[in-house]
Every structure is written in C-alpha cells, then in structure tokens.
Amino acid sequence: MLETFVAFDDRDNPVPNVEIFINTARSSVPADELSHPDGFWQVEHHNRYKASEVTAWYFTLEGLEAIIFGDLEFPHMDLMLDLAYELNVKLMRHGGTIFRKFHNNLLAADLLATSLQWGART
C-alpha cells in the first residue's frame, strides 16, 4: 500500500496538468516554513483521513523531476519520508480509506524500486 503518493491528470483537459501530492503524518513545522518560495512545492495541513491529520506536500511535475535528478535541493526529504512512513503504518493498521479504489500495486512497486535507485545515484 502506497496510499500517501498521489499523481493524477485530467484526461478531459487537452493541456496536460499533472498534479502530484504526498500525504504524510502531520508535521509540527508550520506549512509556510516547509513550502518552496518559488513554488516548486507547497505544503498544507489537512484533516484528510479519519485516522490521522496529515501534511500534504504538493509538487509540480517539473519540481519533482528536478528533485529526483538532483537539480533542485529538497531539504525536507528525511522529514517527509519519516512522516510518510508513519502515516502509511497508521493507515494500514486502521484499514482502508476512501482512496482504496485508486490503489495500484504495480505503481507502488515501481516507485519503491526506483526510490532505492535514487539513493544509489546520489
């Protein structure tokens, strides 16, 4: 289950507009202190799940790509990954959520495998 990573595009819109967000357990750091000043990522706090309040990390496709390839520094990586793990464990222990119908095990496996390669490249 990799419910905390969500990527979507509006198929009815002729112009691609990929939106990406990562839900994590709620951070104690204020959202405005975690957001990028130039908008490559934005952070908000939500009550998205019954089981937990969350911090949502919104990325532009270009911003996330730049982070993945090391062209843009993302100083909150360790914090975000720790909080994502915390939320995933909490959600697995509490059962399914409204997002269950969107789960894609192949995508989750690919993301996890690729994330291992990111560490090896840096």
PDB file of N, CA and C in Angstrom:
ATOM      1  N   MET A   1       0.851  -1.184   0.000  1.00  0.00           N
ATOM      2  CA  MET A   1       0.000   0.000   0.000  1.00  0.00           C
ATOM      3  C   MET A   1       0.889   1.237   0.000  1.00  0.00           C
ATOM      4  N   LEU A   2       0.724   2.054  -0.987  1.00  0.00           N
ATOM      5  CA  LEU A   2       1.460   3.309  -1.046  1.00  0.00           C
ATOM      6  C   LEU A   2       0.442   4.420  -1.241  1.00  0.00           C
ATOM      7  N   GLU A   3      -0.415   4.571  -0.276  1.00  0.00           N
ATOM      8  CA  GLU A   3      -1.534   5.494  -0.386  1.00  0.00           C
ATOM      9  C   GLU A   3      -1.109   6.943  -0.242  1.00  0.00           C
ATOM     10  N   THR A   4       0.047   7.177   0.278  1.00  0.00           N
ATOM     11  CA  THR A   4       0.423   8.560   0.538  1.00  0.00           C
ATOM     12  C   THR A   4       0.927   9.287  -0.700  1.00  0.00           C
ATOM     13  N   PHE A   5       1.211   8.590  -1.797  1.00  0.00           N
ATOM     14  CA  PHE A   5       1.693   9.218  -3.030  1.00  0.00           C
ATOM     15  C   PHE A   5       0.566   9.215  -4.052  1.00  0.00           C
ATOM     16  N   VAL A   6       0.181  10.393  -4.527  1.00  0.00           N
ATOM     17  CA  VAL A   6      -0.926  10.500  -5.477  1.00  0.00           C
ATOM     18  C   VAL A   6      -0.480  11.356  -6.657  1.00  0.00           C
ATOM     19  N   ALA A   7      -0.677  10.845  -7.872  1.00  0.00           N
ATOM     20  CA  ALA A   7      -0.408  11.605  -9.090  1.00  0.00           C
ATOM     21  C   ALA A   7      -1.627  11.466  -9.990  1.00  0.00           C
ATOM     22  N   PHE A   8      -2.088  12.576 -10.527  1.00  0.00           N
ATOM     23  CA  PHE A   8      -3.240  12.495 -11.422  1.00  0.00           C
ATOM     24  C   PHE A   8      -3.202  13.608 -12.460  1.00  0.00           C
ATOM     25  N   ASP A   9      -3.944  13.352 -13.545  1.00  0.00           N
ATOM     26  CA  ASP A   9      -4.069  14.306 -14.635  1.00  0.00           C
ATOM     27  C   ASP A   9      -5.519  14.263 -15.107  1.00  0.00           C
ATOM     28  N   ASP A  10      -6.055  15.384 -15.500  1.00  0.00           N
ATOM     29  CA  ASP A  10      -7.421  15.467 -16.004  1.00  0.00           C
ATOM     30  C   ASP A  10      -7.423  15.048 -17.473  1.00  0.00           C
ATOM     31  N   ARG A  11      -7.965  13.872 -17.762  1.00  0.00           N
ATOM     32  CA  ARG A  11      -7.977  13.360 -19.136  1.00  0.00           C
ATOM     33  C   ARG A  11      -8.842  14.204 -20.065  1.00  0.00           C
ATOM     34  N   ASP A  12      -9.817  14.901 -19.516  1.00  0.00           N
ATOM     35  CA  ASP A  12     -10.704  15.718 -20.341  1.00  0.00           C
ATOM     36  C   ASP A  12     -10.082  17.055 -20.724  1.00  0.00           C
ATOM     37  N   ASN A  13      -8.998  17.415 -20.076  1.00  0.00           N
ATOM     38  CA  ASN A  13      -8.320  18.673 -20.370  1.00  0.00           C
ATOM     39  C   ASN A  13      -7.286  18.412 -21.466  1.00  0.00           C
ATOM     40  N   PRO A  14      -7.355  19.103 -22.615  1.00  0.00           N
ATOM     41  CA  PRO A  14      -6.395  18.852 -23.695  1.00  0.00           C
ATOM     42  C   PRO A  14      -4.958  19.247 -23.331  1.00  0.00           C
ATOM     43  N   VAL A  15      -4.802  20.115 -22.351  1.00  0.00           N
ATOM     44  CA  VAL A  15      -3.470  20.527 -21.914  1.00  0.00           C
ATOM     45  C   VAL A  15      -3.083  19.693 -20.692  1.00  0.00           C
ATOM     46  N   PRO A  16      -1.965  18.955 -20.765  1.00  0.00           N
ATOM     47  CA  PRO A  16      -1.567  18.149 -19.600  1.00  0.00           C
ATOM     48  C   PRO A  16      -1.379  19.025 -18.363  1.00  0.00           C
ATOM     49  N   ASN A  17      -1.919  18.566 -17.258  1.00  0.00           N
ATOM     50  CA  ASN A  17      -1.796  19.282 -15.994  1.00  0.00           C
ATOM     51  C   ASN A  17      -1.639  18.250 -14.882  1.00  0.00           C
ATOM     52  N   VAL A  18      -0.465  17.672 -14.792  1.00  0.00           N
ATOM     53  CA  VAL A  18      -0.208  16.625 -13.809  1.00  0.00           C
ATOM     54  C   VAL A  18      -0.072  17.255 -12.434  1.00  0.00           C
ATOM     55  N   GLU A  19      -0.830  16.724 -11.487  1.00  0.00           N
ATOM     56  CA  GLU A  19      -0.738  17.174 -10.104  1.00  0.00           C
ATOM     57  C   GLU A  19      -0.222  16.018  -9.263  1.00  0.00           C
ATOM     58  N   ILE A  20       0.710  16.301  -8.390  1.00  0.00           N
ATOM     59  CA  ILE A  20       1.332  15.280  -7.555  1.00  0.00           C
ATOM     60  C   ILE A  20       1.302  15.758  -6.117  1.00  0.00           C
ATOM     61  N   PHE A  21       0.870  14.871  -5.219  1.00  0.00           N
ATOM     62  CA  PHE A  21       0.999  15.212  -3.811  1.00  0.00           C
ATOM     63  C   PHE A  21       1.324  13.977  -3.005  1.00  0.00           C
ATOM     64  N   ILE A  22       1.989  14.216  -1.910  1.00  0.00           N
ATOM     65  CA  ILE A  22       2.379  13.160  -0.985  1.00  0.00           C
ATOM     66  C   ILE A  22       1.794  13.515   0.369  1.00  0.00           C
ATOM     67  N   ASN A  23       0.936  12.637   0.875  1.00  0.00           N
ATOM     68  CA  ASN A  23       0.376  12.827   2.210  1.00  0.00           C
ATOM     69  C   ASN A  23       1.293  12.171   3.226  1.00  0.00           C
ATOM     70  N   THR A  24       1.524  12.860   4.319  1.00  0.00           N
ATOM     71  CA  THR A  24       2.336  12.309   5.404  1.00  0.00           C
ATOM     72  C   THR A  24       1.611  12.560   6.722  1.00  0.00           C
ATOM     73  N   ALA A  25       2.109  11.951   7.774  1.00  0.00           N
ATOM     74  CA  ALA A  25       1.611  12.308   9.101  1.00  0.00           C
ATOM     75  C   ALA A  25       1.857  13.807   9.288  1.00  0.00           C
ATOM     76  N   ARG A  26       1.088  14.415  10.134  1.00  0.00           N
ATOM     77  CA  ARG A  26       1.175  15.871  10.302  1.00  0.00           C
ATOM     78  C   ARG A  26       2.524  16.285  10.882  1.00  0.00           C
ATOM     79  N   SER A  27       3.119  17.259  10.238  1.00  0.00           N
ATOM     80  CA  SER A  27       4.387  17.819  10.697  1.00  0.00           C
ATOM     81  C   SER A  27       4.122  18.898  11.738  1.00  0.00           C
ATOM     82  N   SER A  28       5.013  19.001  12.701  1.00  0.00           N
ATOM     83  CA  SER A  28       4.895  20.067  13.700  1.00  0.00           C
ATOM     84  C   SER A  28       5.446  21.393  13.172  1.00  0.00           C
ATOM     85  N   VAL A  29       6.135  21.336  12.028  1.00  0.00           N
ATOM     86  CA  VAL A  29       6.692  22.545  11.413  1.00  0.00           C
ATOM     87  C   VAL A  29       5.570  23.248  10.641  1.00  0.00           C
ATOM     88  N   PRO A  30       5.417  24.563  10.791  1.00  0.00           N
ATOM     89  CA  PRO A  30       4.377  25.280  10.046  1.00  0.00           C
ATOM     90  C   PRO A  30       4.526  25.083   8.534  1.00  0.00           C
ATOM     91  N   ALA A  31       3.397  24.968   7.843  1.00  0.00           N
ATOM     92  CA  ALA A  31       3.393  24.683   6.409  1.00  0.00           C
ATOM     93  C   ALA A  31       4.163  25.723   5.603  1.00  0.00           C
ATOM     94  N   ASP A  32       4.047  26.992   5.960  1.00  0.00           N
ATOM     95  CA  ASP A  32       4.738  28.022   5.180  1.00  0.00           C
ATOM     96  C   ASP A  32       6.251  27.920   5.300  1.00  0.00           C
ATOM     97  N   GLU A  33       6.755  27.348   6.385  1.00  0.00           N
ATOM     98  CA  GLU A  33       8.200  27.159   6.539  1.00  0.00           C
ATOM     99  C   GLU A  33       8.705  25.984   5.703  1.00  0.00           C
ATOM    100  N   LEU A  34       7.814  25.067   5.324  1.00  0.00           N
ATOM    101  CA  LEU A  34       8.199  23.897   4.540  1.00  0.00           C
ATOM    102  C   LEU A  34       8.031  24.119   3.040  1.00  0.00           C
ATOM    103  N   SER A  35       7.234  25.100   2.641  1.00  0.00           N
ATOM    104  CA  SER A  35       6.962  25.360   1.226  1.00  0.00           C
ATOM    105  C   SER A  35       8.155  26.039   0.562  1.00  0.00           C
ATOM    106  N   HIS A  36       8.306  25.810  -0.750  1.00  0.00           N
ATOM    107  CA  HIS A  36       9.389  26.429  -1.518  1.00  0.00           C
ATOM    108  C   HIS A  36       8.976  27.850  -1.901  1.00  0.00           C
ATOM    109  N   PRO A  37       9.865  28.827  -1.734  1.00  0.00           N
ATOM    110  CA  PRO A  37       9.491  30.220  -2.018  1.00  0.00           C
ATOM    111  C   PRO A  37       9.135  30.474  -3.485  1.00  0.00           C
ATOM    112  N   ASP A  38       9.667  29.646  -4.412  1.00  0.00           N
ATOM    113  CA  ASP A  38       9.382  29.837  -5.835  1.00  0.00           C
ATOM    114  C   ASP A  38       8.290  28.901  -6.350  1.00  0.00           C
ATOM    115  N   GLY A  39       7.653  28.145  -5.454  1.00  0.00           N
ATOM    116  CA  GLY A  39       6.508  27.331  -5.843  1.00  0.00           C
ATOM    117  C   GLY A  39       6.796  25.954  -6.397  1.00  0.00           C
ATOM    118  N   PHE A  40       8.044  25.469  -6.305  1.00  0.00           N
ATOM    119  CA  PHE A  40       8.325  24.116  -6.789  1.00  0.00           C
ATOM    120  C   PHE A  40       7.598  23.067  -5.953  1.00  0.00           C
ATOM    121  N   TRP A  41       7.343  23.381  -4.699  1.00  0.00           N
ATOM    122  CA  TRP A  41       6.478  22.557  -3.858  1.00  0.00           C
ATOM    123  C   TRP A  41       5.779  23.457  -2.859  1.00  0.00           C
ATOM    124  N   GLN A  42       4.610  23.002  -2.445  1.00  0.00           N
ATOM    125  CA  GLN A  42       3.784  23.744  -1.491  1.00  0.00           C
ATOM    126  C   GLN A  42       3.306  22.750  -0.444  1.00  0.00           C
ATOM    127  N   VAL A  43       3.188  23.194   0.779  1.00  0.00           N
ATOM    128  CA  VAL A  43       2.802  22.302   1.873  1.00  0.00           C
ATOM    129  C   VAL A  43       1.570  22.867   2.575  1.00  0.00           C
ATOM    130  N   GLU A  44       0.620  21.974   2.881  1.00  0.00           N
ATOM    131  CA  GLU A  44      -0.593  22.352   3.619  1.00  0.00           C
ATOM    132  C   GLU A  44      -0.891  21.277   4.650  1.00  0.00           C
ATOM    133  N   HIS A  45      -1.559  21.659   5.717  1.00  0.00           N
ATOM    134  CA  HIS A  45      -2.010  20.704   6.728  1.00  0.00           C
ATOM    135  C   HIS A  45      -3.506  20.468   6.517  1.00  0.00           C
ATOM    136  N   HIS A  46      -3.937  19.183   6.602  1.00  0.00           N
ATOM    137  CA  HIS A  46      -5.336  18.810   6.348  1.00  0.00           C
ATOM    138  C   HIS A  46      -5.828  17.822   7.391  1.00  0.00           C
ATOM    139  N   ASN A  47      -7.132  17.653   7.404  1.00  0.00           N
ATOM    140  CA  ASN A  47      -7.772  16.565   8.150  1.00  0.00           C
ATOM    141  C   ASN A  47      -8.340  15.589   7.120  1.00  0.00           C
ATOM    142  N   ARG A  48      -7.493  15.033   6.274  1.00  0.00           N
ATOM    143  CA  ARG A  48      -7.921  14.241   5.125  1.00  0.00           C
ATOM    144  C   ARG A  48      -8.400  12.839   5.505  1.00  0.00           C
ATOM    145  N   TYR A  49      -7.866  12.267   6.553  1.00  0.00           N
ATOM    146  CA  TYR A  49      -8.220  10.907   6.947  1.00  0.00           C
ATOM    147  C   TYR A  49      -8.852  10.907   8.332  1.00  0.00           C
ATOM    148  N   LYS A  50      -9.760   9.961   8.560  1.00  0.00           N
ATOM    149  CA  LYS A  50     -10.332   9.815   9.898  1.00  0.00           C
ATOM    150  C   LYS A  50      -9.261   9.419  10.904  1.00  0.00           C
ATOM    151  N   ALA A  51      -8.329   8.592  10.472  1.00  0.00           N
ATOM    152  CA  ALA A  51      -7.321   8.037  11.379  1.00  0.00           C
ATOM    153  C   ALA A  51      -6.219   9.023  11.733  1.00  0.00           C
ATOM    154  N   SER A  52      -6.046  10.082  10.940  1.00  0.00           N
ATOM    155  CA  SER A  52      -4.888  10.941  11.174  1.00  0.00           C
ATOM    156  C   SER A  52      -5.029  12.284  10.466  1.00  0.00           C
ATOM    157  N   GLU A  53      -4.536  13.323  11.102  1.00  0.00           N
ATOM    158  CA  GLU A  53      -4.332  14.592  10.408  1.00  0.00           C
ATOM    159  C   GLU A  53      -3.103  14.410   9.524  1.00  0.00           C
ATOM    160  N   VAL A  54      -3.042  15.141   8.428  1.00  0.00           N
ATOM    161  CA  VAL A  54      -1.923  14.960   7.511  1.00  0.00           C
ATOM    162  C   VAL A  54      -1.289  16.293   7.127  1.00  0.00           C
ATOM    163  N   THR A  55      -0.063  16.175   6.658  1.00  0.00           N
ATOM    164  CA  THR A  55       0.604  17.252   5.952  1.00  0.00           C
ATOM    165  C   THR A  55       0.655  16.808   4.499  1.00  0.00           C
ATOM    166  N   ALA A  56       0.170  17.649   3.593  1.00  0.00           N
ATOM    167  CA  ALA A  56       0.174  17.336   2.161  1.00  0.00           C
ATOM    168  C   ALA A  56       1.270  18.155   1.488  1.00  0.00           C
ATOM    169  N   TRP A  57       2.134  17.461   0.771  1.00  0.00           N
ATOM    170  CA  TRP A  57       3.250  18.070   0.046  1.00  0.00           C
ATOM    171  C   TRP A  57       2.877  18.058  -1.436  1.00  0.00           C
ATOM    172  N   TYR A  58       2.590  19.213  -2.021  1.00  0.00           N
ATOM    173  CA  TYR A  58       2.192  19.328  -3.421  1.00  0.00           C
ATOM    174  C   TYR A  58       3.413  19.704  -4.254  1.00  0.00           C
ATOM    175  N   PHE A  59       3.623  18.971  -5.345  1.00  0.00           N
ATOM    176  CA  PHE A  59       4.766  19.215  -6.222  1.00  0.00           C
ATOM    177  C   PHE A  59       4.293  19.506  -7.635  1.00  0.00           C
ATOM    178  N   THR A  60       5.009  20.402  -8.315  1.00  0.00           N
ATOM    179  CA  THR A  60       4.837  20.492  -9.758  1.00  0.00           C
ATOM    180  C   THR A  60       5.592  19.304 -10.346  1.00  0.00           C
ATOM    181  N   LEU A  61       5.200  18.884 -11.532  1.00  0.00           N
ATOM    182  CA  LEU A  61       5.901  17.775 -12.180  1.00  0.00           C
ATOM    183  C   LEU A  61       7.364  18.144 -12.406  1.00  0.00           C
ATOM    184  N   GLU A  62       7.593  19.379 -12.826  1.00  0.00           N
ATOM    185  CA  GLU A  62       8.963  19.838 -13.072  1.00  0.00           C
ATOM    186  C   GLU A  62       9.769  19.899 -11.777  1.00  0.00           C
ATOM    187  N   GLY A  63       9.129  20.355 -10.704  1.00  0.00           N
ATOM    188  CA  GLY A  63       9.819  20.432  -9.419  1.00  0.00           C
ATOM    189  C   GLY A  63      10.202  19.067  -8.893  1.00  0.00           C
ATOM    190  N   LEU A  64       9.281  18.098  -8.980  1.00  0.00           N
ATOM    191  CA  LEU A  64       9.583  16.748  -8.500  1.00  0.00           C
ATOM    192  C   LEU A  64      10.666  16.103  -9.350  1.00  0.00           C
ATOM    193  N   GLU A  65      10.601  16.311 -10.656  1.00  0.00           N
ATOM    194  CA  GLU A  65      11.633  15.771 -11.542  1.00  0.00           C
ATOM    195  C   GLU A  65      13.004  16.364 -11.193  1.00  0.00           C
ATOM    196  N   ALA A  66      13.062  17.656 -10.947  1.00  0.00           N
ATOM    197  CA  ALA A  66      14.331  18.303 -10.593  1.00  0.00           C
ATOM    198  C   ALA A  66      14.877  17.768  -9.271  1.00  0.00           C
ATOM    199  N   ILE A  67      13.995  17.476  -8.323  1.00  0.00           N
ATOM    200  CA  ILE A  67      14.424  16.901  -7.042  1.00  0.00           C
ATOM    201  C   ILE A  67      14.975  15.499  -7.257  1.00  0.00           C
ATOM    202  N   ILE A  68      14.246  14.680  -8.024  1.00  0.00           N
ATOM    203  CA  ILE A  68      14.655  13.292  -8.263  1.00  0.00           C
ATOM    204  C   ILE A  68      16.028  13.229  -8.919  1.00  0.00           C
ATOM    205  N   PHE A  69      16.280  14.103  -9.895  1.00  0.00           N
ATOM    206  CA  PHE A  69      17.546  14.066 -10.622  1.00  0.00           C
ATOM    207  C   PHE A  69      18.636  14.922  -9.988  1.00  0.00           C
ATOM    208  N   GLY A  70      18.365  15.478  -8.818  1.00  0.00           N
ATOM    209  CA  GLY A  70      19.381  16.214  -8.082  1.00  0.00           C
ATOM    210  C   GLY A  70      19.632  17.624  -8.565  1.00  0.00           C
ATOM    211  N   ASP A  71      18.743  18.149  -9.404  1.00  0.00           N
ATOM    212  CA  ASP A  71      18.911  19.509  -9.903  1.00  0.00           C
ATOM    213  C   ASP A  71      18.316  20.559  -8.974  1.00  0.00           C
ATOM    214  N   LEU A  72      17.505  20.119  -8.020  1.00  0.00           N
ATOM    215  CA  LEU A  72      16.869  21.020  -7.065  1.00  0.00           C
ATOM    216  C   LEU A  72      16.982  20.397  -5.681  1.00  0.00           C
ATOM    217  N   GLU A  73      17.522  21.146  -4.751  1.00  0.00           N
ATOM    218  CA  GLU A  73      17.669  20.632  -3.387  1.00  0.00           C
ATOM    219  C   GLU A  73      16.314  20.623  -2.688  1.00  0.00           C
ATOM    220  N   PHE A  74      16.019  19.502  -2.031  1.00  0.00           N
ATOM    221  CA  PHE A  74      14.794  19.376  -1.243  1.00  0.00           C
ATOM    222  C   PHE A  74      15.217  19.095   0.195  1.00  0.00           C
ATOM    223  N   PRO A  75      15.314  20.133   1.027  1.00  0.00           N
ATOM    224  CA  PRO A  75      15.886  19.972   2.368  1.00  0.00           C
ATOM    225  C   PRO A  75      15.006  19.195   3.346  1.00  0.00           C
ATOM    226  N   HIS A  76      13.785  18.868   2.948  1.00  0.00           N
ATOM    227  CA  HIS A  76      12.859  18.198   3.866  1.00  0.00           C
ATOM    228  C   HIS A  76      12.687  16.715   3.559  1.00  0.00           C
ATOM    229  N   MET A  77      13.588  16.143   2.746  1.00  0.00           N
ATOM    230  CA  MET A  77      13.423  14.753   2.309  1.00  0.00           C
ATOM    231  C   MET A  77      13.318  13.784   3.485  1.00  0.00           C
ATOM    232  N   ASP A  78      14.242  13.849   4.423  1.00  0.00           N
ATOM    233  CA  ASP A  78      14.214  12.918   5.558  1.00  0.00           C
ATOM    234  C   ASP A  78      12.941  13.089   6.380  1.00  0.00           C
ATOM    235  N   LEU A  79      12.560  14.327   6.639  1.00  0.00           N
ATOM    236  CA  LEU A  79      11.333  14.596   7.391  1.00  0.00           C
ATOM    237  C   LEU A  79      10.123  14.038   6.647  1.00  0.00           C
ATOM    238  N   MET A  80      10.018  14.323   5.349  1.00  0.00           N
ATOM    239  CA  MET A  80       8.871  13.868   4.578  1.00  0.00           C
ATOM    240  C   MET A  80       8.794  12.343   4.536  1.00  0.00           C
ATOM    241  N   LEU A  81       9.918  11.668   4.311  1.00  0.00           N
ATOM    242  CA  LEU A  81       9.909  10.205   4.246  1.00  0.00           C
ATOM    243  C   LEU A  81       9.553   9.583   5.591  1.00  0.00           C
ATOM    244  N   ASP A  82      10.084  10.128   6.673  1.00  0.00           N
ATOM    245  CA  ASP A  82       9.737   9.616   8.009  1.00  0.00           C
ATOM    246  C   ASP A  82       8.244   9.787   8.290  1.00  0.00           C
ATOM    247  N   LEU A  83       7.706  10.951   7.940  1.00  0.00           N
ATOM    248  CA  LEU A  83       6.288  11.210   8.170  1.00  0.00           C
ATOM    249  C   LEU A  83       5.400  10.381   7.240  1.00  0.00           C
ATOM    250  N   ALA A  84       5.854  10.125   5.998  1.00  0.00           N
ATOM    251  CA  ALA A  84       5.094   9.274   5.074  1.00  0.00           C
ATOM    252  C   ALA A  84       5.030   7.845   5.604  1.00  0.00           C
ATOM    253  N   TYR A  85       6.148   7.353   6.102  1.00  0.00           N
ATOM    254  CA  TYR A  85       6.173   6.007   6.689  1.00  0.00           C
ATOM    255  C   TYR A  85       5.216   5.935   7.879  1.00  0.00           C
ATOM    256  N   GLU A  86       5.267   6.949   8.722  1.00  0.00           N
ATOM    257  CA  GLU A  86       4.392   6.985   9.901  1.00  0.00           C
ATOM    258  C   GLU A  86       2.916   6.936   9.498  1.00  0.00           C
ATOM    259  N   LEU A  87       2.537   7.720   8.486  1.00  0.00           N
ATOM    260  CA  LEU A  87       1.143   7.724   8.041  1.00  0.00           C
ATOM    261  C   LEU A  87       0.760   6.391   7.409  1.00  0.00           C
ATOM    262  N   ASN A  88       1.634   5.830   6.565  1.00  0.00           N
ATOM    263  CA  ASN A  88       1.326   4.543   5.933  1.00  0.00           C
ATOM    264  C   ASN A  88       1.087   3.462   6.966  1.00  0.00           C
ATOM    265  N   VAL A  89       1.935   3.393   7.979  1.00  0.00           N
ATOM    266  CA  VAL A  89       1.772   2.382   9.029  1.00  0.00           C
ATOM    267  C   VAL A  89       0.447   2.591   9.756  1.00  0.00           C
ATOM    268  N   LYS A  90       0.145   3.839  10.075  1.00  0.00           N
ATOM    269  CA  LYS A  90      -1.104   4.137  10.784  1.00  0.00           C
ATOM    270  C   LYS A  90      -2.321   3.745   9.940  1.00  0.00           C
ATOM    271  N   LEU A  91      -2.299   4.064   8.641  1.00  0.00           N
ATOM    272  CA  LEU A  91      -3.426   3.730   7.774  1.00  0.00           C
ATOM    273  C   LEU A  91      -3.573   2.225   7.595  1.00  0.00           C
ATOM    274  N   MET A  92      -2.465   1.501   7.469  1.00  0.00           N
ATOM    275  CA  MET A  92      -2.539   0.047   7.334  1.00  0.00           C
ATOM    276  C   MET A  92      -3.140  -0.583   8.581  1.00  0.00           C
ATOM    277  N   ARG A  93      -2.824  -0.047   9.733  1.00  0.00           N
ATOM    278  CA  ARG A  93      -3.351  -0.592  10.986  1.00  0.00           C
ATOM    279  C   ARG A  93      -4.829  -0.276  11.175  1.00  0.00           C
ATOM    280  N   HIS A  94      -5.306   0.803  10.549  1.00  0.00           N
ATOM    281  CA  HIS A  94      -6.707   1.206  10.703  1.00  0.00           C
ATOM    282  C   HIS A  94      -7.594   0.727   9.562  1.00  0.00           C
ATOM    283  N   GLY A  95      -7.040   0.013   8.596  1.00  0.00           N
ATOM    284  CA  GLY A  95      -7.854  -0.483   7.490  1.00  0.00           C
ATOM    285  C   GLY A  95      -7.907   0.493   6.335  1.00  0.00           C
ATOM    286  N   GLY A  96      -8.837   0.245   5.417  1.00  0.00           N
ATOM    287  CA  GLY A  96      -8.921   1.010   4.187  1.00  0.00           C
ATOM    288  C   GLY A  96      -9.451   2.417   4.371  1.00  0.00           C
ATOM    289  N   THR A  97      -9.305   3.196   3.315  1.00  0.00           N
ATOM    290  CA  THR A  97      -9.809   4.565   3.291  1.00  0.00           C
ATOM    291  C   THR A  97     -10.558   4.781   1.983  1.00  0.00           C
ATOM    292  N   ILE A  98     -11.064   5.974   1.785  1.00  0.00           N
ATOM    293  CA  ILE A  98     -11.803   6.273   0.562  1.00  0.00           C
ATOM    294  C   ILE A  98     -10.928   6.192  -0.686  1.00  0.00           C
ATOM    295  N   PHE A  99      -9.624   6.228  -0.530  1.00  0.00           N
ATOM    296  CA  PHE A  99      -8.726   6.184  -1.680  1.00  0.00           C
ATOM    297  C   PHE A  99      -8.379   4.762  -2.110  1.00  0.00           C
ATOM    298  N   ARG A 100      -8.908   3.754  -1.446  1.00  0.00           N
ATOM    299  CA  ARG A 100      -8.559   2.361  -1.729  1.00  0.00           C
ATOM    300  C   ARG A 100      -8.791   1.997  -3.195  1.00  0.00           C
ATOM    301  N   LYS A 101      -9.874   2.492  -3.807  1.00  0.00           N
ATOM    302  CA  LYS A 101     -10.178   2.129  -5.195  1.00  0.00           C
ATOM    303  C   LYS A 101      -9.116   2.626  -6.172  1.00  0.00           C
ATOM    304  N   PHE A 102      -8.276   3.556  -5.745  1.00  0.00           N
ATOM    305  CA  PHE A 102      -7.231   4.085  -6.612  1.00  0.00           C
ATOM    306  C   PHE A 102      -5.880   3.405  -6.397  1.00  0.00           C
ATOM    307  N   HIS A 103      -5.800   2.423  -5.531  1.00  0.00           N
ATOM    308  CA  HIS A 103      -4.530   1.745  -5.277  1.00  0.00           C
ATOM    309  C   HIS A 103      -4.045   1.043  -6.539  1.00  0.00           C
ATOM    310  N   ASN A 104      -2.762   1.098  -6.765  1.00  0.00           N
ATOM    311  CA  ASN A 104      -2.154   0.438  -7.908  1.00  0.00           C
ATOM    312  C   ASN A 104      -0.876  -0.218  -7.411  1.00  0.00           C
ATOM    313  N   ASN A 105      -0.929  -1.526  -7.208  1.00  0.00           N
ATOM    314  CA  ASN A 105       0.218  -2.239  -6.649  1.00  0.00           C
ATOM    315  C   ASN A 105       1.440  -2.183  -7.553  1.00  0.00           C
ATOM    316  N   LEU A 106       1.253  -2.209  -8.880  1.00  0.00           N
ATOM    317  CA  LEU A 106       2.397  -2.133  -9.793  1.00  0.00           C
ATOM    318  C   LEU A 106       3.084  -0.774  -9.698  1.00  0.00           C
ATOM    319  N   LEU A 107       2.296   0.293  -9.632  1.00  0.00           N
ATOM    320  CA  LEU A 107       2.877   1.625  -9.483  1.00  0.00           C
ATOM    321  C   LEU A 107       3.639   1.727  -8.169  1.00  0.00           C
ATOM    322  N   ALA A 108       3.060   1.218  -7.105  1.00  0.00           N
ATOM    323  CA  ALA A 108       3.732   1.264  -5.803  1.00  0.00           C
ATOM    324  C   ALA A 108       5.050   0.506  -5.849  1.00  0.00           C
ATOM    325  N   ALA A 109       5.052  -0.681  -6.454  1.00  0.00           N
ATOM    326  CA  ALA A 109       6.284  -1.472  -6.552  1.00  0.00           C
ATOM    327  C   ALA A 109       7.333  -0.733  -7.379  1.00  0.00           C
ATOM    328  N   ASP A 110       6.913  -0.128  -8.498  1.00  0.00           N
ATOM    329  CA  ASP A 110       7.853   0.629  -9.334  1.00  0.00           C
ATOM    330  C   ASP A 110       8.429   1.826  -8.587  1.00  0.00           C
ATOM    331  N   LEU A 111       7.588   2.546  -7.858  1.00  0.00           N
ATOM    332  CA  LEU A 111       8.067   3.710  -7.101  1.00  0.00           C
ATOM    333  C   LEU A 111       9.062   3.308  -6.026  1.00  0.00           C
ATOM    334  N   LEU A 112       8.754   2.235  -5.325  1.00  0.00           N
ATOM    335  CA  LEU A 112       9.669   1.784  -4.277  1.00  0.00           C
ATOM    336  C   LEU A 112      10.993   1.320  -4.870  1.00  0.00           C
ATOM    337  N   ALA A 113      10.940   0.578  -5.973  1.00  0.00           N
ATOM    338  CA  ALA A 113      12.174   0.111  -6.617  1.00  0.00           C
ATOM    339  C   ALA A 113      13.001   1.287  -7.124  1.00  0.00           C
ATOM    340  N   THR A 114      12.345   2.267  -7.723  1.00  0.00           N
ATOM    341  CA  THR A 114      13.051   3.439  -8.234  1.00  0.00           C
ATOM    342  C   THR A 114      13.649   4.259  -7.102  1.00  0.00           C
ATOM    343  N   SER A 115      12.941   4.350  -5.985  1.00  0.00           N
ATOM    344  CA  SER A 115      13.464   5.135  -4.863  1.00  0.00           C
ATOM    345  C   SER A 115      14.758   4.536  -4.336  1.00  0.00           C
ATOM    346  N   LEU A 116      14.904   3.228  -4.420  1.00  0.00           N
ATOM    347  CA  LEU A 116      16.161   2.603  -3.999  1.00  0.00           C
ATOM    348  C   LEU A 116      17.293   3.001  -4.934  1.00  0.00           C
ATOM    349  N   GLN A 117      16.989   3.152  -6.214  1.00  0.00           N
ATOM    350  CA  GLN A 117      17.999   3.567  -7.183  1.00  0.00           C
ATOM    351  C   GLN A 117      18.385   5.026  -6.996  1.00  0.00           C
ATOM    352  N   TRP A 118      17.437   5.889  -6.579  1.00  0.00           N
ATOM    353  CA  TRP A 118      17.754   7.302  -6.358  1.00  0.00           C
ATOM    354  C   TRP A 118      18.875   7.430  -5.346  1.00  0.00           C
ATOM    355  N   GLY A 119      18.793   6.668  -4.264  1.00  0.00           N
ATOM    356  CA  GLY A 119      19.823   6.734  -3.234  1.00  0.00           C
ATOM    357  C   GLY A 119      21.173   6.296  -3.754  1.00  0.00           C
ATOM    358  N   ALA A 120      21.183   5.322  -4.652  1.00  0.00           N
ATOM    359  CA  ALA A 120      22.435   4.814  -5.205  1.00  0.00           C
ATOM    360  C   ALA A 120      23.064   5.811  -6.172  1.00  0.00           C
ATOM    361  N   ARG A 121      22.250   6.661  -6.802  1.00  0.00           N
ATOM    362  CA  ARG A 121      22.763   7.624  -7.780  1.00  0.00           C
ATOM    363  C   ARG A 121      23.328   8.880  -7.146  1.00  0.00           C
ATOM    364  N   THR A 122      22.927   9.158  -5.912  1.00  0.00           N
ATOM    365  CA  THR A 122      23.356  10.426  -5.305  1.00  0.00           C
ATOM    366  C   THR A 122      24.584  10.252  -4.458  1.00  0.00           C
TER     367      THR A 122
END
